[in-house]
Amino acid sequence: MDDMNILQIVGFKNSGKTTLMLELIRLAQENGKTVATVKHHGHSSALEMPSALTDSTRFFEGGAQASIVYGAGVIQQHVRKKETELEDLLYMAAKAETDFIFVEGFKDAPYEKIVLIRSERDWIELKSLQEIALVLKPEDVNLNDDAAIDRNDKAQIEAWFAAWMEGNSK
């Protein structure tokens, strides 16, 4: 997996992960890059067949070459498997031969990640994650951290992502 360009988007429920992923897919596409996505379905129930409104379908329609979702023992690419690891899903996504793979969820995986927080409490729980490259926070949350920028600062997010695409995020 070392030769794949993987970026994780992590945070708690309703922190803006899907919205950010769609924005990053758009930005990558505008820069002539292709993206595959992998999403962790964080619910205990099995996945339903996708409608046009699901995150995975939205990622695909948003420009991803492949879109794979895992949750409750089901991989959504019309493949069923009792259990799986993120590396299995990354291998499947890599088959699409894209420039990048964006992963929503799988917080404990050892890949470079953007952490979205909603509060200082979120940060207390998430700051020990591996490979944090960027923290996006609400304007009213003060972390005293150089790697944290306001979630609504689109110019700074786009600048960071442009550097990341070129391999200069650290």
Protein backbone atom coordinates (compact mmCIF):
# COMPACT_ATOMS: atom_id res chain seq x y z
CA MET A 1 0.00 0.00 0.00
CA ASP A 2 3.05 2.25 0.21
CA ASP A 3 2.84 3.32 -3.43
CA MET A 4 -0.79 4.49 -3.16
CA ASN A 5 -1.64 8.11 -2.39
CA ILE A 6 -4.13 7.67 0.45
CA LEU A 7 -5.83 10.45 2.40
CA GLN A 8 -8.21 9.69 5.26
CA ILE A 9 -11.04 11.97 6.31
CA VAL A 10 -12.03 11.24 9.91
CA GLY A 11 -14.26 12.73 12.58
CA PHE A 12 -17.37 11.96 14.53
CA LYS A 13 -20.86 11.77 13.06
CA ASN A 14 -22.10 15.02 11.46
CA SER A 15 -18.66 16.62 11.46
CA GLY A 16 -18.68 17.27 7.69
CA LYS A 17 -16.67 14.30 6.40
CA THR A 18 -18.85 13.57 3.36
CA THR A 19 -19.12 17.23 2.41
CA LEU A 20 -15.33 17.59 2.60
CA MET A 21 -14.75 14.42 0.59
CA LEU A 22 -17.02 15.66 -2.18
CA GLU A 23 -15.17 18.99 -2.20
CA LEU A 24 -11.76 17.28 -2.37
CA ILE A 25 -12.96 15.01 -5.18
CA ARG A 26 -14.09 18.10 -7.09
CA LEU A 27 -10.77 19.87 -6.50
CA ALA A 28 -8.79 16.80 -7.55
CA GLN A 29 -10.88 16.45 -10.69
CA GLU A 30 -10.37 20.15 -11.53
CA ASN A 31 -6.64 19.45 -11.33
CA GLY A 32 -6.85 16.51 -13.71
CA LYS A 33 -6.59 13.88 -10.97
CA THR A 34 -8.74 10.82 -10.45
CA VAL A 35 -10.02 9.55 -7.10
CA ALA A 36 -11.38 6.32 -5.68
CA THR A 37 -13.20 6.38 -2.36
CA VAL A 38 -13.59 3.95 0.50
CA LYS A 39 -16.15 4.64 3.21
CA HIS A 40 -16.64 2.89 6.53
CA HIS A 41 -20.32 2.30 7.18
CA GLY A 42 -20.28 2.96 10.91
CA HIS A 43 -23.60 1.34 11.68
CA SER A 44 -24.32 -2.16 12.95
CA SER A 45 -26.94 -2.84 10.27
CA ALA A 46 -26.16 -4.32 6.87
CA LEU A 47 -25.84 -2.01 3.91
CA GLU A 48 -28.86 -1.51 1.69
CA MET A 49 -28.57 -1.40 -2.05
CA PRO A 50 -27.62 2.16 -2.94
CA SER A 51 -29.98 4.82 -4.16
CA ALA A 52 -28.88 7.97 -5.90
CA LEU A 53 -28.81 9.74 -2.52
CA THR A 54 -26.24 7.53 -0.74
CA ASP A 55 -22.77 8.85 0.08
CA SER A 56 -21.10 6.17 -2.03
CA THR A 57 -23.28 6.97 -5.03
CA ARG A 58 -22.73 10.69 -4.48
CA PHE A 59 -18.95 10.13 -4.40
CA PHE A 60 -19.17 8.23 -7.67
CA GLU A 61 -21.39 10.83 -9.33
CA GLY A 62 -19.10 13.52 -7.87
CA GLY A 63 -16.21 12.22 -9.95
CA ALA A 64 -14.69 9.20 -8.22
CA GLN A 65 -13.67 6.44 -10.61
CA ALA A 66 -14.59 3.81 -8.05
CA SER A 67 -16.60 3.93 -4.88
CA ILE A 68 -16.42 1.23 -2.27
CA VAL A 69 -18.20 1.19 1.10
CA TYR A 70 -17.76 -1.32 3.92
CA GLY A 71 -20.00 -1.83 6.93
CA ALA A 72 -21.53 -4.62 8.95
CA GLY A 73 -19.80 -7.33 6.96
CA VAL A 74 -20.80 -6.11 3.50
CA ILE A 75 -18.57 -4.49 0.90
CA GLN A 76 -20.62 -2.42 -1.47
CA GLN A 77 -19.32 -3.14 -4.90
CA HIS A 78 -21.72 -6.00 -5.04
CA VAL A 79 -19.22 -8.18 -3.22
CA ARG A 80 -20.15 -9.96 0.00
CA LYS A 81 -17.52 -10.89 2.57
CA LYS A 82 -18.00 -11.71 6.24
CA GLU A 83 -15.13 -9.53 7.54
CA THR A 84 -12.60 -7.29 5.89
CA GLU A 85 -9.71 -4.98 6.64
CA LEU A 86 -9.14 -1.51 5.21
CA GLU A 87 -6.16 -2.88 3.26
CA ASP A 88 -8.51 -5.26 1.39
CA LEU A 89 -10.73 -2.34 0.43
CA LEU A 90 -7.73 -0.24 -0.59
CA TYR A 91 -6.56 -3.08 -2.79
CA MET A 92 -9.99 -3.16 -4.43
CA ALA A 93 -9.99 0.62 -4.86
CA ALA A 94 -6.48 0.54 -6.31
CA LYS A 95 -7.80 -1.61 -9.16
CA ALA A 96 -9.44 1.55 -10.49
CA GLU A 97 -5.90 2.90 -11.13
CA THR A 98 -6.65 6.36 -9.75
CA ASP A 99 -4.24 9.04 -8.61
CA PHE A 100 -5.63 9.09 -5.06
CA ILE A 101 -7.73 7.04 -2.70
CA PHE A 102 -9.78 8.98 -0.16
CA VAL A 103 -10.93 7.04 2.90
CA GLU A 104 -13.83 8.21 5.03
CA GLY A 105 -13.54 6.72 8.48
CA PHE A 106 -11.31 3.89 9.74
CA LYS A 107 -9.90 6.37 12.29
CA ASP A 108 -7.18 4.06 13.61
CA ALA A 109 -5.61 3.27 10.25
CA PRO A 110 -2.03 4.50 9.81
CA TYR A 111 -2.56 6.80 6.82
CA GLU A 112 -2.22 10.55 6.49
CA LYS A 113 -5.47 12.11 7.60
CA ILE A 114 -7.60 15.20 7.92
CA VAL A 115 -9.43 15.29 11.24
CA LEU A 116 -12.72 17.19 11.42
CA ILE A 117 -13.77 18.30 14.86
CA ARG A 118 -16.94 19.94 16.12
CA SER A 119 -15.66 20.93 19.57
CA GLU A 120 -12.67 20.93 21.87
CA ARG A 121 -14.04 17.69 23.33
CA ASP A 122 -13.79 16.03 19.89
CA TRP A 123 -10.15 17.10 19.71
CA ILE A 124 -9.39 15.62 23.13
CA GLU A 125 -10.69 12.27 21.85
CA LEU A 126 -9.06 12.40 18.40
CA LYS A 127 -5.69 14.11 18.86
CA SER A 128 -3.92 10.82 19.57
CA LEU A 129 -4.67 9.43 16.09
CA GLN A 130 -1.71 8.55 13.87
CA GLU A 131 -0.63 10.60 10.86
CA ILE A 132 -2.72 13.74 11.44
CA ALA A 133 -1.84 16.11 8.60
CA LEU A 134 -4.59 18.70 9.09
CA VAL A 135 -7.32 19.53 11.60
CA LEU A 136 -10.45 21.36 10.48
CA LYS A 137 -12.39 23.07 13.26
CA PRO A 138 -15.27 25.47 13.76
CA GLU A 139 -14.26 29.12 13.93
CA ASP A 140 -15.20 29.39 17.61
CA VAL A 141 -12.94 26.48 18.70
CA ASN A 142 -9.39 27.46 19.68
CA LEU A 143 -6.86 24.62 19.65
CA ASN A 144 -3.58 26.57 19.64
CA ASP A 145 -2.36 24.21 16.93
CA ASP A 146 -0.59 25.28 13.73
CA ALA A 147 -2.08 22.33 11.84
CA ALA A 148 -5.65 23.46 12.64
CA ILE A 149 -7.57 25.74 10.33
CA ASP A 150 -11.15 26.96 10.31
CA ARG A 151 -13.54 24.62 8.52
CA ASN A 152 -15.02 27.52 6.53
CA ASP A 153 -11.64 28.85 5.30
CA LYS A 154 -11.98 27.42 1.80
CA ALA A 155 -8.90 29.24 0.48
CA GLN A 156 -6.66 27.74 3.15
CA ILE A 157 -8.16 24.26 2.71
CA GLU A 158 -7.68 24.47 -1.06
CA ALA A 159 -4.07 25.65 -0.62
CA TRP A 160 -3.34 22.80 1.78
CA PHE A 161 -4.92 20.26 -0.57
CA ALA A 162 -3.02 21.60 -3.58
CA ALA A 163 0.22 21.12 -1.64
CA TRP A 164 -0.90 17.65 -0.54
CA MET A 165 -1.60 16.66 -4.14
CA GLU A 166 1.97 17.66 -4.96
CA GLY A 167 3.32 15.68 -2.00
CA ASN A 168 4.17 18.66 0.21
CA SER A 169 1.65 18.44 3.02
CA LYS A 170 4.13 17.86 5.82
